[in-house]
Amino acid sequence: MKERYKQFFEDIPNNIKKEFISYAKEIFDNFKKYYPNFDKLDFSDTKVKNKIMFQVMQTISTMGMDENNPNYKNLKKFFPKNFNKDLIGNGSGNMYDSMWWQLADKQKENIVKNIYN
């Protein structure tokens, strides 16, 4: 990891970082279950890896939306079985002041990169 980005990842409290990583890994596993040809993708290709990472980040972001939101309904099948919605959305309809949305994009990327470990 580049030194200048290392600080971004280290600023997140360890327990929250682990929780987000577990969400990302479970979402990744749910993609595998839902799409039969998922294992045939070439994960050595950077474009493929980036696209999957973006989809996982988008899914985590959607977890904080209202349950009546169409995006929430469409992606619910990929959500982790149990997740702390307070980390993703504050429950009052404004998800942008939650822990997930306070993270910089680079922090989110570093969390989601762990799906490939």
PDB file of N, CA and C in Angstrom:
ATOM      1  N   MET A   1       0.846  -1.163   0.000  1.00  0.00           N
ATOM      2  CA  MET A   1       0.000   0.000   0.000  1.00  0.00           C
ATOM      3  C   MET A   1       0.900   1.237   0.000  1.00  0.00           C
ATOM      4  N   LYS A   2       0.561   2.205  -0.806  1.00  0.00           N
ATOM      5  CA  LYS A   2       1.357   3.417  -0.859  1.00  0.00           C
ATOM      6  C   LYS A   2       1.326   4.111   0.495  1.00  0.00           C
ATOM      7  N   GLU A   3       2.465   4.654   0.875  1.00  0.00           N
ATOM      8  CA  GLU A   3       2.615   5.268   2.190  1.00  0.00           C
ATOM      9  C   GLU A   3       1.611   6.405   2.434  1.00  0.00           C
ATOM     10  N   ARG A   4       1.362   7.202   1.418  1.00  0.00           N
ATOM     11  CA  ARG A   4       0.475   8.354   1.619  1.00  0.00           C
ATOM     12  C   ARG A   4      -0.978   7.941   1.869  1.00  0.00           C
ATOM     13  N   TYR A   5      -1.362   6.737   1.426  1.00  0.00           N
ATOM     14  CA  TYR A   5      -2.729   6.267   1.659  1.00  0.00           C
ATOM     15  C   TYR A   5      -2.847   5.420   2.920  1.00  0.00           C
ATOM     16  N   LYS A   6      -1.723   5.036   3.478  1.00  0.00           N
ATOM     17  CA  LYS A   6      -1.734   4.179   4.651  1.00  0.00           C
ATOM     18  C   LYS A   6      -2.487   4.840   5.806  1.00  0.00           C
ATOM     19  N   GLN A   7      -2.321   6.134   5.970  1.00  0.00           N
ATOM     20  CA  GLN A   7      -2.970   6.873   7.049  1.00  0.00           C
ATOM     21  C   GLN A   7      -4.492   6.798   6.946  1.00  0.00           C
ATOM     22  N   PHE A   8      -5.027   6.825   5.721  1.00  0.00           N
ATOM     23  CA  PHE A   8      -6.476   6.744   5.536  1.00  0.00           C
ATOM     24  C   PHE A   8      -7.031   5.480   6.172  1.00  0.00           C
ATOM     25  N   PHE A   9      -6.355   4.368   5.936  1.00  0.00           N
ATOM     26  CA  PHE A   9      -6.850   3.082   6.414  1.00  0.00           C
ATOM     27  C   PHE A   9      -6.675   2.970   7.922  1.00  0.00           C
ATOM     28  N   GLU A  10      -5.611   3.551   8.444  1.00  0.00           N
ATOM     29  CA  GLU A  10      -5.333   3.418   9.871  1.00  0.00           C
ATOM     30  C   GLU A  10      -6.207   4.319  10.733  1.00  0.00           C
ATOM     31  N   ASP A  11      -6.832   5.340  10.164  1.00  0.00           N
ATOM     32  CA  ASP A  11      -7.673   6.247  10.932  1.00  0.00           C
ATOM     33  C   ASP A  11      -9.006   5.624  11.352  1.00  0.00           C
ATOM     34  N   ILE A  12      -9.404   4.561  10.718  1.00  0.00           N
ATOM     35  CA  ILE A  12     -10.679   3.915  11.022  1.00  0.00           C
ATOM     36  C   ILE A  12     -10.488   3.057  12.277  1.00  0.00           C
ATOM     37  N   PRO A  13     -11.388   3.150  13.269  1.00  0.00           N
ATOM     38  CA  PRO A  13     -11.280   2.269  14.435  1.00  0.00           C
ATOM     39  C   PRO A  13     -11.269   0.800  13.996  1.00  0.00           C
ATOM     40  N   ASN A  14     -10.426   0.012  14.629  1.00  0.00           N
ATOM     41  CA  ASN A  14     -10.192  -1.374  14.208  1.00  0.00           C
ATOM     42  C   ASN A  14     -11.459  -2.224  14.185  1.00  0.00           C
ATOM     43  N   ASN A  15     -12.309  -2.092  15.204  1.00  0.00           N
ATOM     44  CA  ASN A  15     -13.527  -2.917  15.237  1.00  0.00           C
ATOM     45  C   ASN A  15     -14.473  -2.566  14.090  1.00  0.00           C
ATOM     46  N   ILE A  16     -14.550  -1.286  13.734  1.00  0.00           N
ATOM     47  CA  ILE A  16     -15.420  -0.872  12.629  1.00  0.00           C
ATOM     48  C   ILE A  16     -14.827  -1.321  11.298  1.00  0.00           C
ATOM     49  N   LYS A  17     -13.512  -1.219  11.172  1.00  0.00           N
ATOM     50  CA  LYS A  17     -12.838  -1.676   9.957  1.00  0.00           C
ATOM     51  C   LYS A  17     -13.119  -3.164   9.726  1.00  0.00           C
ATOM     52  N   LYS A  18     -12.999  -3.960  10.785  1.00  0.00           N
ATOM     53  CA  LYS A  18     -13.245  -5.402  10.667  1.00  0.00           C
ATOM     54  C   LYS A  18     -14.689  -5.690  10.282  1.00  0.00           C
ATOM     55  N   GLU A  19     -15.599  -4.904  10.837  1.00  0.00           N
ATOM     56  CA  GLU A  19     -17.016  -5.099  10.517  1.00  0.00           C
ATOM     57  C   GLU A  19     -17.290  -4.792   9.043  1.00  0.00           C
ATOM     58  N   PHE A  20     -16.763  -3.672   8.549  1.00  0.00           N
ATOM     59  CA  PHE A  20     -16.941  -3.332   7.142  1.00  0.00           C
ATOM     60  C   PHE A  20     -16.289  -4.382   6.233  1.00  0.00           C
ATOM     61  N   ILE A  21     -15.115  -4.878   6.614  1.00  0.00           N
ATOM     62  CA  ILE A  21     -14.440  -5.912   5.811  1.00  0.00           C
ATOM     63  C   ILE A  21     -15.292  -7.172   5.771  1.00  0.00           C
ATOM     64  N   SER A  22     -15.887  -7.542   6.893  1.00  0.00           N
ATOM     65  CA  SER A  22     -16.733  -8.750   6.906  1.00  0.00           C
ATOM     66  C   SER A  22     -17.971  -8.552   6.030  1.00  0.00           C
ATOM     67  N   TYR A  23     -18.539  -7.341   6.028  1.00  0.00           N
ATOM     68  CA  TYR A  23     -19.669  -7.053   5.147  1.00  0.00           C
ATOM     69  C   TYR A  23     -19.241  -7.205   3.690  1.00  0.00           C
ATOM     70  N   ALA A  24     -18.103  -6.629   3.348  1.00  0.00           N
ATOM     71  CA  ALA A  24     -17.616  -6.684   1.965  1.00  0.00           C
ATOM     72  C   ALA A  24     -17.387  -8.126   1.520  1.00  0.00           C
ATOM     73  N   LYS A  25     -16.786  -8.936   2.392  1.00  0.00           N
ATOM     74  CA  LYS A  25     -16.524 -10.339   2.045  1.00  0.00           C
ATOM     75  C   LYS A  25     -17.818 -11.128   1.882  1.00  0.00           C
ATOM     76  N   GLU A  26     -18.790 -10.862   2.741  1.00  0.00           N
ATOM     77  CA  GLU A  26     -20.066 -11.577   2.630  1.00  0.00           C
ATOM     78  C   GLU A  26     -20.814 -11.167   1.363  1.00  0.00           C
ATOM     79  N   ILE A  27     -20.768  -9.904   1.020  1.00  0.00           N
ATOM     80  CA  ILE A  27     -21.398  -9.440  -0.226  1.00  0.00           C
ATOM     81  C   ILE A  27     -20.718 -10.095  -1.419  1.00  0.00           C
ATOM     82  N   PHE A  28     -19.393 -10.152  -1.398  1.00  0.00           N
ATOM     83  CA  PHE A  28     -18.625 -10.801  -2.466  1.00  0.00           C
ATOM     84  C   PHE A  28     -19.033 -12.269  -2.594  1.00  0.00           C
ATOM     85  N   ASP A  29     -19.155 -12.961  -1.460  1.00  0.00           N
ATOM     86  CA  ASP A  29     -19.596 -14.367  -1.478  1.00  0.00           C
ATOM     87  C   ASP A  29     -21.017 -14.501  -2.009  1.00  0.00           C
ATOM     88  N   ASN A  30     -21.873 -13.537  -1.689  1.00  0.00           N
ATOM     89  CA  ASN A  30     -23.250 -13.573  -2.195  1.00  0.00           C
ATOM     90  C   ASN A  30     -23.287 -13.361  -3.710  1.00  0.00           C
ATOM     91  N   PHE A  31     -22.379 -12.544  -4.239  1.00  0.00           N
ATOM     92  CA  PHE A  31     -22.270 -12.408  -5.698  1.00  0.00           C
ATOM     93  C   PHE A  31     -21.930 -13.761  -6.320  1.00  0.00           C
ATOM     94  N   LYS A  32     -21.004 -14.468  -5.693  1.00  0.00           N
ATOM     95  CA  LYS A  32     -20.588 -15.787  -6.207  1.00  0.00           C
ATOM     96  C   LYS A  32     -21.766 -16.753  -6.242  1.00  0.00           C
ATOM     97  N   LYS A  33     -22.578 -16.735  -5.189  1.00  0.00           N
ATOM     98  CA  LYS A  33     -23.725 -17.642  -5.110  1.00  0.00           C
ATOM     99  C   LYS A  33     -24.788 -17.296  -6.148  1.00  0.00           C
ATOM    100  N   TYR A  34     -24.997 -16.024  -6.372  1.00  0.00           N
ATOM    101  CA  TYR A  34     -26.075 -15.584  -7.250  1.00  0.00           C
ATOM    102  C   TYR A  34     -25.736 -15.721  -8.732  1.00  0.00           C
ATOM    103  N   TYR A  35     -24.463 -15.482  -9.068  1.00  0.00           N
ATOM    104  CA  TYR A  35     -24.040 -15.544 -10.474  1.00  0.00           C
ATOM    105  C   TYR A  35     -23.192 -16.793 -10.707  1.00  0.00           C
ATOM    106  N   PRO A  36     -23.703 -17.765 -11.461  1.00  0.00           N
ATOM    107  CA  PRO A  36     -22.998 -19.047 -11.628  1.00  0.00           C
ATOM    108  C   PRO A  36     -21.636 -18.916 -12.319  1.00  0.00           C
ATOM    109  N   ASN A  37     -21.467 -17.946 -13.191  1.00  0.00           N
ATOM    110  CA  ASN A  37     -20.196 -17.803 -13.919  1.00  0.00           C
ATOM    111  C   ASN A  37     -19.221 -16.843 -13.240  1.00  0.00           C
ATOM    112  N   PHE A  38     -19.520 -16.469 -12.035  1.00  0.00           N
ATOM    113  CA  PHE A  38     -18.696 -15.488 -11.328  1.00  0.00           C
ATOM    114  C   PHE A  38     -17.262 -15.974 -11.149  1.00  0.00           C
ATOM    115  N   ASP A  39     -17.100 -17.256 -10.845  1.00  0.00           N
ATOM    116  CA  ASP A  39     -15.755 -17.816 -10.630  1.00  0.00           C
ATOM    117  C   ASP A  39     -14.930 -17.862 -11.904  1.00  0.00           C
ATOM    118  N   LYS A  40     -15.571 -17.739 -13.047  1.00  0.00           N
ATOM    119  CA  LYS A  40     -14.850 -17.775 -14.314  1.00  0.00           C
ATOM    120  C   LYS A  40     -14.258 -16.420 -14.695  1.00  0.00           C
ATOM    121  N   LEU A  41     -14.581 -15.374 -13.920  1.00  0.00           N
ATOM    122  CA  LEU A  41     -14.033 -14.050 -14.209  1.00  0.00           C
ATOM    123  C   LEU A  41     -12.523 -14.040 -13.969  1.00  0.00           C
ATOM    124  N   ASP A  42     -11.830 -13.235 -14.738  1.00  0.00           N
ATOM    125  CA  ASP A  42     -10.376 -13.117 -14.613  1.00  0.00           C
ATOM    126  C   ASP A  42     -10.049 -12.023 -13.599  1.00  0.00           C
ATOM    127  N   PHE A  43      -9.805 -12.441 -12.356  1.00  0.00           N
ATOM    128  CA  PHE A  43      -9.545 -11.468 -11.296  1.00  0.00           C
ATOM    129  C   PHE A  43      -8.124 -10.908 -11.346  1.00  0.00           C
ATOM    130  N   SER A  44      -7.312 -11.394 -12.269  1.00  0.00           N
ATOM    131  CA  SER A  44      -5.996 -10.785 -12.450  1.00  0.00           C
ATOM    132  C   SER A  44      -6.111  -9.518 -13.303  1.00  0.00           C
ATOM    133  N   ASP A  45      -7.247  -9.363 -13.970  1.00  0.00           N
ATOM    134  CA  ASP A  45      -7.502  -8.173 -14.783  1.00  0.00           C
ATOM    135  C   ASP A  45      -7.953  -7.030 -13.870  1.00  0.00           C
ATOM    136  N   THR A  46      -7.236  -5.939 -13.902  1.00  0.00           N
ATOM    137  CA  THR A  46      -7.520  -4.796 -13.035  1.00  0.00           C
ATOM    138  C   THR A  46      -8.914  -4.232 -13.281  1.00  0.00           C
ATOM    139  N   LYS A  47      -9.360  -4.214 -14.526  1.00  0.00           N
ATOM    140  CA  LYS A  47     -10.694  -3.680 -14.830  1.00  0.00           C
ATOM    141  C   LYS A  47     -11.780  -4.510 -14.158  1.00  0.00           C
ATOM    142  N   VAL A  48     -11.619  -5.819 -14.182  1.00  0.00           N
ATOM    143  CA  VAL A  48     -12.598  -6.707 -13.552  1.00  0.00           C
ATOM    144  C   VAL A  48     -12.592  -6.487 -12.039  1.00  0.00           C
ATOM    145  N   LYS A  49     -11.406  -6.445 -11.447  1.00  0.00           N
ATOM    146  CA  LYS A  49     -11.295  -6.232 -10.004  1.00  0.00           C
ATOM    147  C   LYS A  49     -11.939  -4.910  -9.586  1.00  0.00           C
ATOM    148  N   ASN A  50     -11.663  -3.860 -10.345  1.00  0.00           N
ATOM    149  CA  ASN A  50     -12.210  -2.547 -10.011  1.00  0.00           C
ATOM    150  C   ASN A  50     -13.730  -2.524 -10.125  1.00  0.00           C
ATOM    151  N   LYS A  51     -14.249  -3.201 -11.143  1.00  0.00           N
ATOM    152  CA  LYS A  51     -15.701  -3.234 -11.327  1.00  0.00           C
ATOM    153  C   LYS A  51     -16.373  -3.973 -10.169  1.00  0.00           C
ATOM    154  N   ILE A  52     -15.791  -5.097  -9.749  1.00  0.00           N
ATOM    155  CA  ILE A  52     -16.346  -5.853  -8.627  1.00  0.00           C
ATOM    156  C   ILE A  52     -16.252  -5.022  -7.343  1.00  0.00           C
ATOM    157  N   MET A  53     -15.111  -4.354  -7.139  1.00  0.00           N
ATOM    158  CA  MET A  53     -14.951  -3.510  -5.954  1.00  0.00           C
ATOM    159  C   MET A  53     -16.008  -2.409  -5.930  1.00  0.00           C
ATOM    160  N   PHE A  54     -16.240  -1.789  -7.086  1.00  0.00           N
ATOM    161  CA  PHE A  54     -17.254  -0.739  -7.171  1.00  0.00           C
ATOM    162  C   PHE A  54     -18.632  -1.300  -6.825  1.00  0.00           C
ATOM    163  N   GLN A  55     -18.951  -2.488  -7.320  1.00  0.00           N
ATOM    164  CA  GLN A  55     -20.257  -3.094  -7.039  1.00  0.00           C
ATOM    165  C   GLN A  55     -20.421  -3.393  -5.551  1.00  0.00           C
ATOM    166  N   VAL A  56     -19.336  -3.856  -4.914  1.00  0.00           N
ATOM    167  CA  VAL A  56     -19.403  -4.129  -3.473  1.00  0.00           C
ATOM    168  C   VAL A  56     -19.595  -2.826  -2.700  1.00  0.00           C
ATOM    169  N   MET A  57     -18.860  -1.770  -3.072  1.00  0.00           N
ATOM    170  CA  MET A  57     -19.007  -0.476  -2.402  1.00  0.00           C
ATOM    171  C   MET A  57     -20.420   0.076  -2.595  1.00  0.00           C
ATOM    172  N   GLN A  58     -20.945  -0.083  -3.789  1.00  0.00           N
ATOM    173  CA  GLN A  58     -22.304   0.387  -4.077  1.00  0.00           C
ATOM    174  C   GLN A  58     -23.325  -0.379  -3.234  1.00  0.00           C
ATOM    175  N   THR A  59     -23.112  -1.675  -3.090  1.00  0.00           N
ATOM    176  CA  THR A  59     -24.031  -2.496  -2.303  1.00  0.00           C
ATOM    177  C   THR A  59     -23.990  -2.089  -0.830  1.00  0.00           C
ATOM    178  N   ILE A  60     -22.786  -1.861  -0.304  1.00  0.00           N
ATOM    179  CA  ILE A  60     -22.674  -1.419   1.091  1.00  0.00           C
ATOM    180  C   ILE A  60     -23.379  -0.072   1.265  1.00  0.00           C
ATOM    181  N   SER A  61     -23.180   0.822   0.326  1.00  0.00           N
ATOM    182  CA  SER A  61     -23.825   2.134   0.406  1.00  0.00           C
ATOM    183  C   SER A  61     -25.342   2.014   0.375  1.00  0.00           C
ATOM    184  N   THR A  62     -25.841   1.080  -0.408  1.00  0.00           N
ATOM    185  CA  THR A  62     -27.289   0.878  -0.541  1.00  0.00           C
ATOM    186  C   THR A  62     -27.897   0.315   0.741  1.00  0.00           C
ATOM    187  N   MET A  63     -27.103  -0.386   1.527  1.00  0.00           N
ATOM    188  CA  MET A  63     -27.599  -0.979   2.766  1.00  0.00           C
ATOM    189  C   MET A  63     -28.142   0.079   3.728  1.00  0.00           C
ATOM    190  N   GLY A  64     -27.704   1.321   3.595  1.00  0.00           N
ATOM    191  CA  GLY A  64     -28.159   2.389   4.472  1.00  0.00           C
ATOM    192  C   GLY A  64     -29.421   3.089   4.011  1.00  0.00           C
ATOM    193  N   MET A  65     -29.896   2.731   2.837  1.00  0.00           N
ATOM    194  CA  MET A  65     -31.095   3.393   2.305  1.00  0.00           C
ATOM    195  C   MET A  65     -32.363   2.892   2.988  1.00  0.00           C
ATOM    196  N   ASP A  66     -33.432   3.619   2.783  1.00  0.00           N
ATOM    197  CA  ASP A  66     -34.737   3.224   3.280  1.00  0.00           C
ATOM    198  C   ASP A  66     -35.156   1.915   2.605  1.00  0.00           C
ATOM    199  N   GLU A  67     -35.814   1.053   3.343  1.00  0.00           N
ATOM    200  CA  GLU A  67     -36.188  -0.266   2.808  1.00  0.00           C
ATOM    201  C   GLU A  67     -37.203  -0.191   1.671  1.00  0.00           C
ATOM    202  N   ASN A  68     -37.870   0.923   1.502  1.00  0.00           N
ATOM    203  CA  ASN A  68     -38.817   1.093   0.395  1.00  0.00           C
ATOM    204  C   ASN A  68     -38.145   1.592  -0.883  1.00  0.00           C
ATOM    205  N   ASN A  69     -36.881   1.946  -0.790  1.00  0.00           N
ATOM    206  CA  ASN A  69     -36.138   2.427  -1.947  1.00  0.00           C
ATOM    207  C   ASN A  69     -35.958   1.292  -2.959  1.00  0.00           C
ATOM    208  N   PRO A  70     -36.214   1.527  -4.240  1.00  0.00           N
ATOM    209  CA  PRO A  70     -36.077   0.469  -5.251  1.00  0.00           C
ATOM    210  C   PRO A  70     -34.662  -0.109  -5.321  1.00  0.00           C
ATOM    211  N   ASN A  71     -33.646   0.728  -5.141  1.00  0.00           N
ATOM    212  CA  ASN A  71     -32.267   0.217  -5.156  1.00  0.00           C
ATOM    213  C   ASN A  71     -32.024  -0.732  -3.993  1.00  0.00           C
ATOM    214  N   TYR A  72     -32.576  -0.398  -2.846  1.00  0.00           N
ATOM    215  CA  TYR A  72     -32.463  -1.264  -1.668  1.00  0.00           C
ATOM    216  C   TYR A  72     -33.091  -2.626  -1.964  1.00  0.00           C
ATOM    217  N   LYS A  73     -34.288  -2.593  -2.536  1.00  0.00           N
ATOM    218  CA  LYS A  73     -35.000  -3.839  -2.850  1.00  0.00           C
ATOM    219  C   LYS A  73     -34.235  -4.687  -3.865  1.00  0.00           C
ATOM    220  N   ASN A  74     -33.632  -4.041  -4.868  1.00  0.00           N
ATOM    221  CA  ASN A  74     -32.910  -4.776  -5.909  1.00  0.00           C
ATOM    222  C   ASN A  74     -31.639  -5.432  -5.389  1.00  0.00           C
ATOM    223  N   LEU A  75     -30.961  -4.775  -4.470  1.00  0.00           N
ATOM    224  CA  LEU A  75     -29.666  -5.292  -4.003  1.00  0.00           C
ATOM    225  C   LEU A  75     -29.758  -6.052  -2.684  1.00  0.00           C
ATOM    226  N   LYS A  76     -30.929  -6.131  -2.100  1.00  0.00           N
ATOM    227  CA  LYS A  76     -31.098  -6.777  -0.797  1.00  0.00           C
ATOM    228  C   LYS A  76     -30.610  -8.230  -0.804  1.00  0.00           C
ATOM    229  N   LYS A  77     -30.720  -8.890  -1.919  1.00  0.00           N
ATOM    230  CA  LYS A  77     -30.313 -10.295  -2.004  1.00  0.00           C
ATOM    231  C   LYS A  77     -28.816 -10.476  -1.780  1.00  0.00           C
ATOM    232  N   PHE A  78     -28.033  -9.400  -1.921  1.00  0.00           N
ATOM    233  CA  PHE A  78     -26.585  -9.477  -1.733  1.00  0.00           C
ATOM    234  C   PHE A  78     -26.138  -9.027  -0.344  1.00  0.00           C
ATOM    235  N   PHE A  79     -27.046  -8.459   0.441  1.00  0.00           N
ATOM    236  CA  PHE A  79     -26.684  -7.921   1.752  1.00  0.00           C
ATOM    237  C   PHE A  79     -26.225  -9.032   2.689  1.00  0.00           C
ATOM    238  N   PRO A  80     -25.359  -8.688   3.639  1.00  0.00           N
ATOM    239  CA  PRO A  80     -25.009  -9.665   4.686  1.00  0.00           C
ATOM    240  C   PRO A  80     -26.247 -10.043   5.490  1.00  0.00           C
ATOM    241  N   LYS A  81     -26.251 -11.241   6.048  1.00  0.00           N
ATOM    242  CA  LYS A  81     -27.413 -11.707   6.814  1.00  0.00           C
ATOM    243  C   LYS A  81     -27.724 -10.757   7.969  1.00  0.00           C
ATOM    244  N   ASN A  82     -26.710 -10.415   8.737  1.00  0.00           N
ATOM    245  CA  ASN A  82     -26.876  -9.489   9.864  1.00  0.00           C
ATOM    246  C   ASN A  82     -25.897  -8.340   9.671  1.00  0.00           C
ATOM    247  N   PHE A  83     -26.409  -7.135   9.689  1.00  0.00           N
ATOM    248  CA  PHE A  83     -25.513  -5.993   9.595  1.00  0.00           C
ATOM    249  C   PHE A  83     -26.032  -4.859  10.463  1.00  0.00           C
ATOM    250  N   ASN A  84     -25.119  -4.048  10.921  1.00  0.00           N
ATOM    251  CA  ASN A  84     -25.438  -2.918  11.779  1.00  0.00           C
ATOM    252  C   ASN A  84     -25.803  -1.745  10.889  1.00  0.00           C
ATOM    253  N   LYS A  85     -27.079  -1.528  10.715  1.00  0.00           N
ATOM    254  CA  LYS A  85     -27.538  -0.474   9.803  1.00  0.00           C
ATOM    255  C   LYS A  85     -27.105   0.916  10.270  1.00  0.00           C
ATOM    256  N   ASP A  86     -26.833   1.073  11.560  1.00  0.00           N
ATOM    257  CA  ASP A  86     -26.401   2.371  12.084  1.00  0.00           C
ATOM    258  C   ASP A  86     -25.034   2.784  11.532  1.00  0.00           C
ATOM    259  N   LEU A  87     -24.199   1.813  11.184  1.00  0.00           N
ATOM    260  CA  LEU A  87     -22.897   2.148  10.596  1.00  0.00           C
ATOM    261  C   LEU A  87     -23.038   2.640   9.159  1.00  0.00           C
ATOM    262  N   ILE A  88     -24.092   2.190   8.472  1.00  0.00           N
ATOM    263  CA  ILE A  88     -24.288   2.533   7.064  1.00  0.00           C
ATOM    264  C   ILE A  88     -25.261   3.689   6.914  1.00  0.00           C
ATOM    265  N   GLY A  89     -26.303   3.699   7.714  1.00  0.00           N
ATOM    266  CA  GLY A  89     -27.313   4.762   7.676  1.00  0.00           C
ATOM    267  C   GLY A  89     -27.796   5.032   9.084  1.00  0.00           C
ATOM    268  N   ASN A  90     -28.126   6.241   9.381  1.00  0.00           N
ATOM    269  CA  ASN A  90     -28.475   6.588  10.766  1.00  0.00           C
ATOM    270  C   ASN A  90     -29.934   6.291  11.123  1.00  0.00           C
ATOM    271  N   GLY A  91     -30.689   5.758  10.196  1.00  0.00           N
ATOM    272  CA  GLY A  91     -32.065   5.366  10.478  1.00  0.00           C
ATOM    273  C   GLY A  91     -33.085   6.480  10.366  1.00  0.00           C
ATOM    274  N   SER A  92     -32.637   7.701  10.203  1.00  0.00           N
ATOM    275  CA  SER A  92     -33.586   8.811  10.101  1.00  0.00           C
ATOM    276  C   SER A  92     -33.758   9.277   8.658  1.00  0.00           C
ATOM    277  N   GLY A  93     -33.329   8.462   7.726  1.00  0.00           N
ATOM    278  CA  GLY A  93     -33.483   8.813   6.322  1.00  0.00           C
ATOM    279  C   GLY A  93     -32.297   9.576   5.754  1.00  0.00           C
ATOM    280  N   ASN A  94     -31.367   9.977   6.602  1.00  0.00           N
ATOM    281  CA  ASN A  94     -30.175  10.672   6.125  1.00  0.00           C
ATOM    282  C   ASN A  94     -28.963   9.779   6.342  1.00  0.00           C
ATOM    283  N   MET A  95     -28.631   8.997   5.338  1.00  0.00           N
ATOM    284  CA  MET A  95     -27.526   8.056   5.478  1.00  0.00           C
ATOM    285  C   MET A  95     -26.167   8.740   5.358  1.00  0.00           C
ATOM    286  N   TYR A  96     -26.154   9.981   4.913  1.00  0.00           N
ATOM    287  CA  TYR A  96     -24.881  10.647   4.635  1.00  0.00           C
ATOM    288  C   TYR A  96     -24.128  11.072   5.886  1.00  0.00           C
ATOM    289  N   ASP A  97     -24.739  11.001   7.045  1.00  0.00           N
ATOM    290  CA  ASP A  97     -23.985  11.302   8.256  1.00  0.00           C
ATOM    291  C   ASP A  97     -23.649  10.037   9.041  1.00  0.00           C
ATOM    292  N   SER A  98     -23.653   8.889   8.379  1.00  0.00           N
ATOM    293  CA  SER A  98     -23.290   7.620   9.004  1.00  0.00           C
ATOM    294  C   SER A  98     -21.785   7.401   8.904  1.00  0.00           C
ATOM    295  N   MET A  99     -21.305   6.379   9.588  1.00  0.00           N
ATOM    296  CA  MET A  99     -19.867   6.071   9.597  1.00  0.00           C
ATOM    297  C   MET A  99     -19.346   5.772   8.183  1.00  0.00           C
ATOM    298  N   TRP A 100     -20.099   4.986   7.415  1.00  0.00           N
ATOM    299  CA  TRP A 100     -19.652   4.616   6.069  1.00  0.00           C
ATOM    300  C   TRP A 100     -19.489   5.841   5.187  1.00  0.00           C
ATOM    301  N   TRP A 101     -20.435   6.752   5.255  1.00  0.00           N
ATOM    302  CA  TRP A 101     -20.395   7.924   4.383  1.00  0.00           C
ATOM    303  C   TRP A 101     -19.391   8.972   4.843  1.00  0.00           C
ATOM    304  N   GLN A 102     -18.896   8.853   6.078  1.00  0.00           N
ATOM    305  CA  GLN A 102     -17.866   9.769   6.555  1.00  0.00           C
ATOM    306  C   GLN A 102     -16.482   9.355   6.080  1.00  0.00           C
ATOM    307  N   LEU A 103     -16.359   8.138   5.600  1.00  0.00           N
ATOM    308  CA  LEU A 103     -15.065   7.653   5.116  1.00  0.00           C
ATOM    309  C   LEU A 103     -14.756   8.269   3.753  1.00  0.00           C
ATOM    310  N   ALA A 104     -13.487   8.517   3.516  1.00  0.00           N
ATOM    311  CA  ALA A 104     -13.049   8.982   2.202  1.00  0.00           C
ATOM    312  C   ALA A 104     -13.128   7.821   1.217  1.00  0.00           C
ATOM    313  N   ASP A 105     -13.212   8.125  -0.062  1.00  0.00           N
ATOM    314  CA  ASP A 105     -13.283   7.074  -1.085  1.00  0.00           C
ATOM    315  C   ASP A 105     -12.100   6.117  -0.977  1.00  0.00           C
ATOM    316  N   LYS A 106     -10.923   6.639  -0.680  1.00  0.00           N
ATOM    317  CA  LYS A 106      -9.733   5.791  -0.584  1.00  0.00           C
ATOM    318  C   LYS A 106      -9.864   4.820   0.588  1.00  0.00           C
ATOM    319  N   GLN A 107     -10.468   5.268   1.683  1.00  0.00           N
ATOM    320  CA  GLN A 107     -10.692   4.381   2.819  1.00  0.00           C
ATOM    321  C   GLN A 107     -11.647   3.254   2.440  1.00  0.00           C
ATOM    322  N   LYS A 108     -12.704   3.602   1.734  1.00  0.00           N
ATOM    323  CA  LYS A 108     -13.670   2.591   1.290  1.00  0.00           C
ATOM    324  C   LYS A 108     -12.998   1.587   0.362  1.00  0.00           C
ATOM    325  N   GLU A 109     -12.185   2.084  -0.564  1.00  0.00           N
ATOM    326  CA  GLU A 109     -11.452   1.199  -1.471  1.00  0.00           C
ATOM    327  C   GLU A 109     -10.552   0.247  -0.701  1.00  0.00           C
ATOM    328  N   ASN A 110      -9.828   0.762   0.277  1.00  0.00           N
ATOM    329  CA  ASN A 110      -8.919  -0.081   1.042  1.00  0.00           C
ATOM    330  C   ASN A 110      -9.668  -1.144   1.843  1.00  0.00           C
ATOM    331  N   ILE A 111     -10.848  -0.821   2.304  1.00  0.00           N
ATOM    332  CA  ILE A 111     -11.667  -1.814   2.999  1.00  0.00           C
ATOM    333  C   ILE A 111     -12.106  -2.898   2.030  1.00  0.00           C
ATOM    334  N   VAL A 112     -12.610  -2.489   0.879  1.00  0.00           N
ATOM    335  CA  VAL A 112     -13.177  -3.451  -0.077  1.00  0.00           C
ATOM    336  C   VAL A 112     -12.081  -4.287  -0.746  1.00  0.00           C
ATOM    337  N   LYS A 113     -10.868  -3.775  -0.848  1.00  0.00           N
ATOM    338  CA  LYS A 113      -9.771  -4.568  -1.434  1.00  0.00           C
ATOM    339  C   LYS A 113      -9.536  -5.858  -0.668  1.00  0.00           C
ATOM    340  N   ASN A 114      -9.950  -5.902   0.566  1.00  0.00           N
ATOM    341  CA  ASN A 114      -9.763  -7.094   1.387  1.00  0.00           C
ATOM    342  C   ASN A 114     -10.567  -8.299   0.915  1.00  0.00           C
ATOM    343  N   ILE A 115     -11.505  -8.101   0.007  1.00  0.00           N
ATOM    344  CA  ILE A 115     -12.283  -9.242  -0.500  1.00  0.00           C
ATOM    345  C   ILE A 115     -11.396 -10.180  -1.309  1.00  0.00           C
ATOM    346  N   TYR A 116     -10.289  -9.681  -1.805  1.00  0.00           N
ATOM    347  CA  TYR A 116      -9.399 -10.507  -2.626  1.00  0.00           C
ATOM    348  C   TYR A 116      -8.346 -11.226  -1.801  1.00  0.00           C
ATOM    349  N   ASN A 117      -8.334 -11.020  -0.475  1.00  0.00           N
ATOM    350  CA  ASN A 117      -7.355 -11.711   0.394  1.00  0.00           C
ATOM    351  C   ASN A 117      -7.876 -13.036   0.841  1.00  0.00           C
TER     352      ASN A 117
END
